[in-house]
Amino acid sequence: MRYLVISDIHANLQAYDTVMAAAGRLGWDRAVVLGDLVGYGADPNAVVERVRALQPHAVIRGNHDKVGSGLETPEGFNAVARSAIHWTHDALTDDNRAWLAGLTAGPIIVDEAFEICHGTPFDEDAYVFDDLDALRAVHAARRALCFFGHTHVQVGYGLRNNQFVVETDGEPRPFELAVAAEARYLVNPGSVGQPRDGDPRAGFGVVDVEAGTVTLHRVAYPVAKAQARITAEGLPEILAERLGVGR
């Protein structure tokens, strides 16, 4: 069984379509989505409708999905994020807003091989900013392999033989991580729609359960078109600018 793992699309239709085309060439059996379908980008309805049509094996909510659907207020969002999520809430159709509001909170177990969360297994909104955050998340996970999103940074952590390492340090993409027995892993497939690790290419992952591998991919998408859509909808210009630098 091969699972496509995507996260943090953030209403970036151009990035989503490019990722799905690239993933289709690689081949996959089931898709899982780690939340934040909306927020920041200019095409929330189109992205939600494409994900719904995808019929993912599992999809969980992110913090922007909760606020964009009206489940929560944007308290804690910075000024740019608040402006974008207010626009998103108003732009969403009633049907898409209700669908987002009904998304499951993570973490959830996908199968015996892995589980998924948006932030961490112990708090759906917590961030993994450093090794200590990652180590706590690894120990909180109920499966040896846990996928997370939220940070928009494509990274894989491993705990084996009592050593905690960043598996992806300095490695080119695509990068294949062999899932070793008696080890534990915490993997972020990267953000589809708003990378923040200095690489503006869209990120995604593929996990092959039988082969015991996780492969992290990056793919270039038409950033200028996504930027033009943000500008056309009157969203904060910084949201367009950051797409070009991956920050």
C-alpha atoms as a PDB file:
ATOM      1  CA  MET A   1       0.000   0.000   0.000  1.00  0.00           C
ATOM      2  CA  ARG A   2       1.371   3.394  -1.028  1.00  0.00           C
ATOM      3  CA  TYR A   3      -0.032   6.487   0.653  1.00  0.00           C
ATOM      4  CA  LEU A   4       0.245  10.025  -0.678  1.00  0.00           C
ATOM      5  CA  VAL A   5       0.774  12.393   2.274  1.00  0.00           C
ATOM      6  CA  ILE A   6      -0.014  16.089   1.795  1.00  0.00           C
ATOM      7  CA  SER A   7      -0.367  18.991   4.200  1.00  0.00           C
ATOM      8  CA  ASP A   8      -0.829  22.748   4.435  1.00  0.00           C
ATOM      9  CA  ILE A   9      -2.276  23.409   0.986  1.00  0.00           C
ATOM     10  CA  HIS A  10      -3.471  26.831   2.152  1.00  0.00           C
ATOM     11  CA  ALA A  11      -5.793  27.490  -0.780  1.00  0.00           C
ATOM     12  CA  ASN A  12      -2.909  27.454  -3.282  1.00  0.00           C
ATOM     13  CA  LEU A  13      -4.608  25.843  -6.259  1.00  0.00           C
ATOM     14  CA  GLN A  14      -1.596  26.040  -8.561  1.00  0.00           C
ATOM     15  CA  ALA A  15       0.623  24.210  -6.068  1.00  0.00           C
ATOM     16  CA  TYR A  16      -2.042  21.589  -5.324  1.00  0.00           C
ATOM     17  CA  ASP A  17      -2.664  20.769  -8.976  1.00  0.00           C
ATOM     18  CA  THR A  18       1.076  20.473  -9.629  1.00  0.00           C
ATOM     19  CA  VAL A  19       1.603  18.172  -6.642  1.00  0.00           C
ATOM     20  CA  MET A  20      -1.272  15.923  -7.667  1.00  0.00           C
ATOM     21  CA  ALA A  21       0.075  15.658 -11.209  1.00  0.00           C
ATOM     22  CA  ALA A  22       3.553  14.779  -9.924  1.00  0.00           C
ATOM     23  CA  ALA A  23       2.168  12.289  -7.416  1.00  0.00           C
ATOM     24  CA  GLY A  24       0.076  10.677 -10.115  1.00  0.00           C
ATOM     25  CA  ARG A  25       3.212   9.953 -12.122  1.00  0.00           C
ATOM     26  CA  LEU A  26       4.804   8.308  -9.079  1.00  0.00           C
ATOM     27  CA  GLY A  27       1.744   6.225  -8.265  1.00  0.00           C
ATOM     28  CA  TRP A  28      -0.183   5.891  -5.018  1.00  0.00           C
ATOM     29  CA  ASP A  29      -3.139   3.940  -3.655  1.00  0.00           C
ATOM     30  CA  ARG A  30      -4.609   6.140  -0.919  1.00  0.00           C
ATOM     31  CA  ALA A  31      -4.240   9.781   0.104  1.00  0.00           C
ATOM     32  CA  VAL A  32      -4.069  11.329   3.561  1.00  0.00           C
ATOM     33  CA  VAL A  33      -4.347  15.067   4.223  1.00  0.00           C
ATOM     34  CA  LEU A  34      -2.871  16.639   7.369  1.00  0.00           C
ATOM     35  CA  GLY A  35      -4.936  19.819   7.513  1.00  0.00           C
ATOM     36  CA  ASP A  36      -4.863  23.515   6.665  1.00  0.00           C
ATOM     37  CA  LEU A  37      -6.564  23.247   3.324  1.00  0.00           C
ATOM     38  CA  VAL A  38      -7.390  26.969   3.484  1.00  0.00           C
ATOM     39  CA  GLY A  39      -5.957  30.250   4.716  1.00  0.00           C
ATOM     40  CA  TYR A  40      -3.464  32.620   3.041  1.00  0.00           C
ATOM     41  CA  GLY A  41      -4.186  31.580  -0.568  1.00  0.00           C
ATOM     42  CA  ALA A  42      -6.762  32.841  -3.031  1.00  0.00           C
ATOM     43  CA  ASP A  43      -8.676  29.693  -4.013  1.00  0.00           C
ATOM     44  CA  PRO A  44     -10.213  28.125  -0.906  1.00  0.00           C
ATOM     45  CA  ASN A  45     -13.338  26.778  -2.604  1.00  0.00           C
ATOM     46  CA  ALA A  46     -11.475  25.198  -5.505  1.00  0.00           C
ATOM     47  CA  VAL A  47      -8.977  23.536  -3.167  1.00  0.00           C
ATOM     48  CA  VAL A  48     -11.659  22.217  -0.805  1.00  0.00           C
ATOM     49  CA  GLU A  49     -13.667  20.868  -3.720  1.00  0.00           C
ATOM     50  CA  ARG A  50     -10.630  19.115  -5.196  1.00  0.00           C
ATOM     51  CA  VAL A  51      -9.762  17.506  -1.867  1.00  0.00           C
ATOM     52  CA  ARG A  52     -13.361  16.408  -1.383  1.00  0.00           C
ATOM     53  CA  ALA A  53     -13.356  14.871  -4.868  1.00  0.00           C
ATOM     54  CA  LEU A  54     -10.096  13.109  -4.022  1.00  0.00           C
ATOM     55  CA  GLN A  55     -11.953  11.146  -1.320  1.00  0.00           C
ATOM     56  CA  PRO A  56      -8.913  10.856   0.966  1.00  0.00           C
ATOM     57  CA  HIS A  57      -8.527   7.772   3.106  1.00  0.00           C
ATOM     58  CA  ALA A  58      -8.053  10.201   6.022  1.00  0.00           C
ATOM     59  CA  VAL A  59      -8.218  13.979   6.357  1.00  0.00           C
ATOM     60  CA  ILE A  60      -7.833  16.008   9.551  1.00  0.00           C
ATOM     61  CA  ARG A  61      -8.317  19.671  10.332  1.00  0.00           C
ATOM     62  CA  GLY A  62      -5.716  22.369  10.777  1.00  0.00           C
ATOM     63  CA  ASN A  63      -5.969  25.591  12.750  1.00  0.00           C
ATOM     64  CA  HIS A  64      -6.826  27.628   9.641  1.00  0.00           C
ATOM     65  CA  ASP A  65      -9.582  25.174   8.767  1.00  0.00           C
ATOM     66  CA  LYS A  66     -11.095  25.653  12.222  1.00  0.00           C
ATOM     67  CA  VAL A  67     -11.020  29.435  12.013  1.00  0.00           C
ATOM     68  CA  GLY A  68     -11.964  29.647   8.342  1.00  0.00           C
ATOM     69  CA  SER A  69     -15.014  27.473   8.967  1.00  0.00           C
ATOM     70  CA  GLY A  70     -16.103  29.546  11.957  1.00  0.00           C
ATOM     71  CA  LEU A  71     -15.390  26.922  14.630  1.00  0.00           C
ATOM     72  CA  GLU A  72     -12.867  29.204  16.331  1.00  0.00           C
ATOM     73  CA  THR A  73     -11.941  32.882  16.351  1.00  0.00           C
ATOM     74  CA  PRO A  74      -8.619  34.096  14.926  1.00  0.00           C
ATOM     75  CA  GLU A  75      -7.323  35.035  18.352  1.00  0.00           C
ATOM     76  CA  GLY A  76      -3.599  34.345  18.286  1.00  0.00           C
ATOM     77  CA  PHE A  77      -3.280  34.892  14.525  1.00  0.00           C
ATOM     78  CA  ASN A  78      -1.025  37.749  13.426  1.00  0.00           C
ATOM     79  CA  ALA A  79      -2.516  40.669  11.513  1.00  0.00           C
ATOM     80  CA  VAL A  80      -1.778  39.206   8.073  1.00  0.00           C
ATOM     81  CA  ALA A  81      -3.190  35.791   8.957  1.00  0.00           C
ATOM     82  CA  ARG A  82      -6.298  37.402  10.491  1.00  0.00           C
ATOM     83  CA  SER A  83      -6.934  39.450   7.377  1.00  0.00           C
ATOM     84  CA  ALA A  84      -6.556  36.400   5.156  1.00  0.00           C
ATOM     85  CA  ILE A  85      -8.736  34.112   7.278  1.00  0.00           C
ATOM     86  CA  HIS A  86     -11.548  36.679   7.504  1.00  0.00           C
ATOM     87  CA  TRP A  87     -11.480  36.885   3.701  1.00  0.00           C
ATOM     88  CA  THR A  88     -11.397  33.086   3.498  1.00  0.00           C
ATOM     89  CA  HIS A  89     -14.396  32.679   5.789  1.00  0.00           C
ATOM     90  CA  ASP A  90     -16.437  35.059   3.667  1.00  0.00           C
ATOM     91  CA  ALA A  91     -15.264  33.533   0.390  1.00  0.00           C
ATOM     92  CA  LEU A  92     -16.088  29.930   1.298  1.00  0.00           C
ATOM     93  CA  THR A  93     -19.448  28.588   0.234  1.00  0.00           C
ATOM     94  CA  ASP A  94     -21.795  27.474   3.000  1.00  0.00           C
ATOM     95  CA  ASP A  95     -21.321  23.860   1.936  1.00  0.00           C
ATOM     96  CA  ASN A  96     -17.528  24.013   1.944  1.00  0.00           C
ATOM     97  CA  ARG A  97     -17.507  25.878   5.234  1.00  0.00           C
ATOM     98  CA  ALA A  98     -19.674  23.197   6.822  1.00  0.00           C
ATOM     99  CA  TRP A  99     -17.478  20.430   5.411  1.00  0.00           C
ATOM    100  CA  LEU A 100     -14.359  22.042   6.899  1.00  0.00           C
ATOM    101  CA  ALA A 101     -16.110  22.451  10.241  1.00  0.00           C
ATOM    102  CA  GLY A 102     -16.828  18.727  10.254  1.00  0.00           C
ATOM    103  CA  LEU A 103     -13.230  17.605   9.773  1.00  0.00           C
ATOM    104  CA  THR A 104     -11.768  15.282  12.394  1.00  0.00           C
ATOM    105  CA  ALA A 105      -9.261  16.536  14.945  1.00  0.00           C
ATOM    106  CA  GLY A 106      -5.902  14.779  14.923  1.00  0.00           C
ATOM    107  CA  PRO A 107      -4.139  12.674  15.821  1.00  0.00           C
ATOM    108  CA  ILE A 108      -5.697   9.661  14.161  1.00  0.00           C
ATOM    109  CA  ILE A 109      -4.263   6.243  13.391  1.00  0.00           C
ATOM    110  CA  VAL A 110      -4.361   5.523   9.674  1.00  0.00           C
ATOM    111  CA  ASP A 111      -3.356   1.876   9.873  1.00  0.00           C
ATOM    112  CA  GLU A 112      -0.945  -0.274  11.855  1.00  0.00           C
ATOM    113  CA  ALA A 113       1.983   1.429  10.147  1.00  0.00           C
ATOM    114  CA  PHE A 114       1.468   5.113  10.921  1.00  0.00           C
ATOM    115  CA  GLU A 115      -0.649   7.911  12.366  1.00  0.00           C
ATOM    116  CA  ILE A 116      -1.211  11.522  11.362  1.00  0.00           C
ATOM    117  CA  CYS A 117      -1.627  14.830  13.177  1.00  0.00           C
ATOM    118  CA  HIS A 118      -1.584  18.488  12.227  1.00  0.00           C
ATOM    119  CA  GLY A 119       0.632  19.956  14.935  1.00  0.00           C
ATOM    120  CA  THR A 120       1.707  17.160  17.281  1.00  0.00           C
ATOM    121  CA  PRO A 121       0.210  13.950  18.687  1.00  0.00           C
ATOM    122  CA  PHE A 122      -0.279  15.663  22.066  1.00  0.00           C
ATOM    123  CA  ASP A 123      -1.828  18.928  20.776  1.00  0.00           C
ATOM    124  CA  GLU A 124      -3.264  19.513  17.312  1.00  0.00           C
ATOM    125  CA  ASP A 125      -2.191  23.177  17.382  1.00  0.00           C
ATOM    126  CA  ALA A 126       1.297  22.845  18.913  1.00  0.00           C
ATOM    127  CA  TYR A 127       4.349  23.499  16.746  1.00  0.00           C
ATOM    128  CA  VAL A 128       7.475  21.375  16.411  1.00  0.00           C
ATOM    129  CA  PHE A 129      10.117  24.092  16.405  1.00  0.00           C
ATOM    130  CA  ASP A 130      13.170  22.222  17.678  1.00  0.00           C
ATOM    131  CA  ASP A 131      14.571  18.834  18.637  1.00  0.00           C
ATOM    132  CA  LEU A 132      12.973  18.896  22.090  1.00  0.00           C
ATOM    133  CA  ASP A 133       9.525  19.504  20.575  1.00  0.00           C
ATOM    134  CA  ALA A 134      10.167  16.711  18.100  1.00  0.00           C
ATOM    135  CA  LEU A 135      11.362  14.268  20.751  1.00  0.00           C
ATOM    136  CA  ARG A 136       8.280  14.935  22.876  1.00  0.00           C
ATOM    137  CA  ALA A 137       6.078  14.339  19.834  1.00  0.00           C
ATOM    138  CA  VAL A 138       7.865  11.089  18.973  1.00  0.00           C
ATOM    139  CA  HIS A 139       7.230   9.753  22.469  1.00  0.00           C
ATOM    140  CA  ALA A 140       3.581  10.879  22.393  1.00  0.00           C
ATOM    141  CA  ALA A 141       2.843   9.102  19.113  1.00  0.00           C
ATOM    142  CA  ARG A 142       0.987   5.789  19.242  1.00  0.00           C
ATOM    143  CA  ARG A 143       2.680   4.436  16.138  1.00  0.00           C
ATOM    144  CA  ALA A 144       6.351   4.131  15.264  1.00  0.00           C
ATOM    145  CA  LEU A 145       5.799   6.477  12.301  1.00  0.00           C
ATOM    146  CA  CYS A 146       3.899   9.746  12.709  1.00  0.00           C
ATOM    147  CA  PHE A 147       3.323  12.394  10.043  1.00  0.00           C
ATOM    148  CA  PHE A 148       2.707  16.016  11.028  1.00  0.00           C
ATOM    149  CA  GLY A 149       2.319  19.404   9.354  1.00  0.00           C
ATOM    150  CA  HIS A 150       1.764  22.957  10.660  1.00  0.00           C
ATOM    151  CA  THR A 151       5.375  24.207  10.459  1.00  0.00           C
ATOM    152  CA  HIS A 152       5.596  24.179   6.629  1.00  0.00           C
ATOM    153  CA  VAL A 153       9.105  22.707   6.955  1.00  0.00           C
ATOM    154  CA  GLN A 154       9.863  19.407   5.245  1.00  0.00           C
ATOM    155  CA  VAL A 155      11.839  17.343   7.746  1.00  0.00           C
ATOM    156  CA  GLY A 156      12.179  13.861   9.176  1.00  0.00           C
ATOM    157  CA  TYR A 157      13.301  12.990  12.703  1.00  0.00           C
ATOM    158  CA  GLY A 158      14.380   9.540  13.835  1.00  0.00           C
ATOM    159  CA  LEU A 159      14.900   7.914  17.234  1.00  0.00           C
ATOM    160  CA  ARG A 160      16.840   4.675  17.083  1.00  0.00           C
ATOM    161  CA  ASN A 161      19.352   3.013  19.367  1.00  0.00           C
ATOM    162  CA  ASN A 162      18.683   5.830  21.842  1.00  0.00           C
ATOM    163  CA  GLN A 163      19.978   8.378  19.351  1.00  0.00           C
ATOM    164  CA  PHE A 164      17.762  11.197  18.093  1.00  0.00           C
ATOM    165  CA  VAL A 165      18.718  12.513  14.671  1.00  0.00           C
ATOM    166  CA  VAL A 166      17.412  14.734  11.905  1.00  0.00           C
ATOM    167  CA  GLU A 167      17.314  12.244   9.045  1.00  0.00           C
ATOM    168  CA  THR A 168      16.895  14.840   6.303  1.00  0.00           C
ATOM    169  CA  ASP A 169      19.731  17.261   7.147  1.00  0.00           C
ATOM    170  CA  GLY A 170      21.318  18.489   3.927  1.00  0.00           C
ATOM    171  CA  GLU A 171      19.834  15.699   1.836  1.00  0.00           C
ATOM    172  CA  PRO A 172      18.694  16.407  -1.740  1.00  0.00           C
ATOM    173  CA  ARG A 173      15.130  15.726  -2.834  1.00  0.00           C
ATOM    174  CA  PRO A 174      13.660  13.287  -3.491  1.00  0.00           C
ATOM    175  CA  PHE A 175      14.909  11.739  -0.261  1.00  0.00           C
ATOM    176  CA  GLU A 176      14.054   8.185   0.748  1.00  0.00           C
ATOM    177  CA  LEU A 177      13.967   7.342   4.429  1.00  0.00           C
ATOM    178  CA  ALA A 178      14.147   3.648   5.298  1.00  0.00           C
ATOM    179  CA  VAL A 179      11.868   2.947   8.252  1.00  0.00           C
ATOM    180  CA  ALA A 180      13.914   0.665  10.489  1.00  0.00           C
ATOM    181  CA  ALA A 181      12.413  -1.846  12.883  1.00  0.00           C
ATOM    182  CA  GLU A 182      12.571  -0.868  16.564  1.00  0.00           C
ATOM    183  CA  ALA A 183      12.927   2.817  15.598  1.00  0.00           C
ATOM    184  CA  ARG A 184      10.487   5.732  15.778  1.00  0.00           C
ATOM    185  CA  TYR A 185       9.997   8.527  13.268  1.00  0.00           C
ATOM    186  CA  LEU A 186       8.335  11.924  13.056  1.00  0.00           C
ATOM    187  CA  VAL A 187       8.026  13.220   9.492  1.00  0.00           C
ATOM    188  CA  ASN A 188       6.693  16.449   8.007  1.00  0.00           C
ATOM    189  CA  PRO A 189       5.961  16.020   4.265  1.00  0.00           C
ATOM    190  CA  GLY A 190       6.303  19.775   3.781  1.00  0.00           C
ATOM    191  CA  SER A 191       3.736  22.341   2.790  1.00  0.00           C
ATOM    192  CA  VAL A 192       2.010  22.079  -0.555  1.00  0.00           C
ATOM    193  CA  GLY A 193       0.960  25.706  -0.700  1.00  0.00           C
ATOM    194  CA  GLN A 194       3.283  27.817   1.445  1.00  0.00           C
ATOM    195  CA  PRO A 195       6.733  26.317   2.143  1.00  0.00           C
ATOM    196  CA  ARG A 196       8.761  28.062   4.852  1.00  0.00           C
ATOM    197  CA  ASP A 197      12.085  26.222   4.706  1.00  0.00           C
ATOM    198  CA  GLY A 198      13.738  28.395   2.073  1.00  0.00           C
ATOM    199  CA  ASP A 199      12.688  26.165  -0.829  1.00  0.00           C
ATOM    200  CA  PRO A 200       9.672  27.620  -2.693  1.00  0.00           C
ATOM    201  CA  ARG A 201       8.834  24.296  -4.340  1.00  0.00           C
ATOM    202  CA  ALA A 202       5.732  22.462  -3.123  1.00  0.00           C
ATOM    203  CA  GLY A 203       6.384  19.568  -0.763  1.00  0.00           C
ATOM    204  CA  PHE A 204       4.718  16.186  -0.342  1.00  0.00           C
ATOM    205  CA  GLY A 205       5.516  12.665   0.767  1.00  0.00           C
ATOM    206  CA  VAL A 206       4.834   9.076  -0.242  1.00  0.00           C
ATOM    207  CA  VAL A 207       4.941   6.229   2.282  1.00  0.00           C
ATOM    208  CA  ASP A 208       5.229   2.664   1.015  1.00  0.00           C
ATOM    209  CA  VAL A 209       4.015   0.466   3.855  1.00  0.00           C
ATOM    210  CA  GLU A 210       5.210  -2.837   2.407  1.00  0.00           C
ATOM    211  CA  ALA A 211       8.639  -1.527   1.420  1.00  0.00           C
ATOM    212  CA  GLY A 212       9.035   0.346   4.711  1.00  0.00           C
ATOM    213  CA  THR A 213      10.050   3.632   3.098  1.00  0.00           C
ATOM    214  CA  VAL A 214       9.031   7.279   3.236  1.00  0.00           C
ATOM    215  CA  THR A 215      10.048   9.449   0.284  1.00  0.00           C
ATOM    216  CA  LEU A 216       9.980  13.239   0.513  1.00  0.00           C
ATOM    217  CA  HIS A 217       9.481  15.122  -2.741  1.00  0.00           C
ATOM    218  CA  ARG A 218       9.624  18.724  -3.965  1.00  0.00           C
ATOM    219  CA  VAL A 219       8.118  19.995  -7.182  1.00  0.00           C
ATOM    220  CA  ALA A 220       8.238  23.417  -8.836  1.00  0.00           C
ATOM    221  CA  TYR A 221       4.848  24.940  -9.578  1.00  0.00           C
ATOM    222  CA  PRO A 222       3.746  28.189 -11.324  1.00  0.00           C
ATOM    223  CA  VAL A 223       4.387  30.499  -8.365  1.00  0.00           C
ATOM    224  CA  ALA A 224       3.704  33.630 -10.416  1.00  0.00           C
ATOM    225  CA  LYS A 225       0.139  32.465 -11.117  1.00  0.00           C
ATOM    226  CA  ALA A 226      -0.504  31.829  -7.422  1.00  0.00           C
ATOM    227  CA  GLN A 227       0.929  35.259  -6.609  1.00  0.00           C
ATOM    228  CA  ALA A 228      -1.264  36.905  -9.232  1.00  0.00           C
ATOM    229  CA  ARG A 229      -4.358  35.260  -7.755  1.00  0.00           C
ATOM    230  CA  ILE A 230      -3.512  36.561  -4.275  1.00  0.00           C
ATOM    231  CA  THR A 231      -3.018  40.071  -5.626  1.00  0.00           C
ATOM    232  CA  ALA A 232      -6.207  39.934  -7.686  1.00  0.00           C
ATOM    233  CA  GLU A 233      -8.279  39.006  -4.617  1.00  0.00           C
ATOM    234  CA  GLY A 234      -6.844  41.898  -2.601  1.00  0.00           C
ATOM    235  CA  LEU A 235      -5.158  39.697  -0.006  1.00  0.00           C
ATOM    236  CA  PRO A 236      -2.057  41.070   1.771  1.00  0.00           C
ATOM    237  CA  GLU A 237       0.781  41.453  -0.708  1.00  0.00           C
ATOM    238  CA  ILE A 238       3.265  39.790   1.644  1.00  0.00           C
ATOM    239  CA  LEU A 239       1.404  36.521   1.117  1.00  0.00           C
ATOM    240  CA  ALA A 240       2.277  36.692  -2.559  1.00  0.00           C
ATOM    241  CA  GLU A 241       5.863  37.758  -1.928  1.00  0.00           C
ATOM    242  CA  ARG A 242       6.668  34.944   0.485  1.00  0.00           C
ATOM    243  CA  LEU A 243       5.703  32.284  -2.041  1.00  0.00           C
ATOM    244  CA  GLY A 244       8.637  33.319  -4.191  1.00  0.00           C
ATOM    245  CA  VAL A 245      11.208  32.786  -1.460  1.00  0.00           C
ATOM    246  CA  GLY A 246       9.705  29.887   0.469  1.00  0.00           C
ATOM    247  CA  ARG A 247       9.565  31.760   3.773  1.00  0.00           C
END
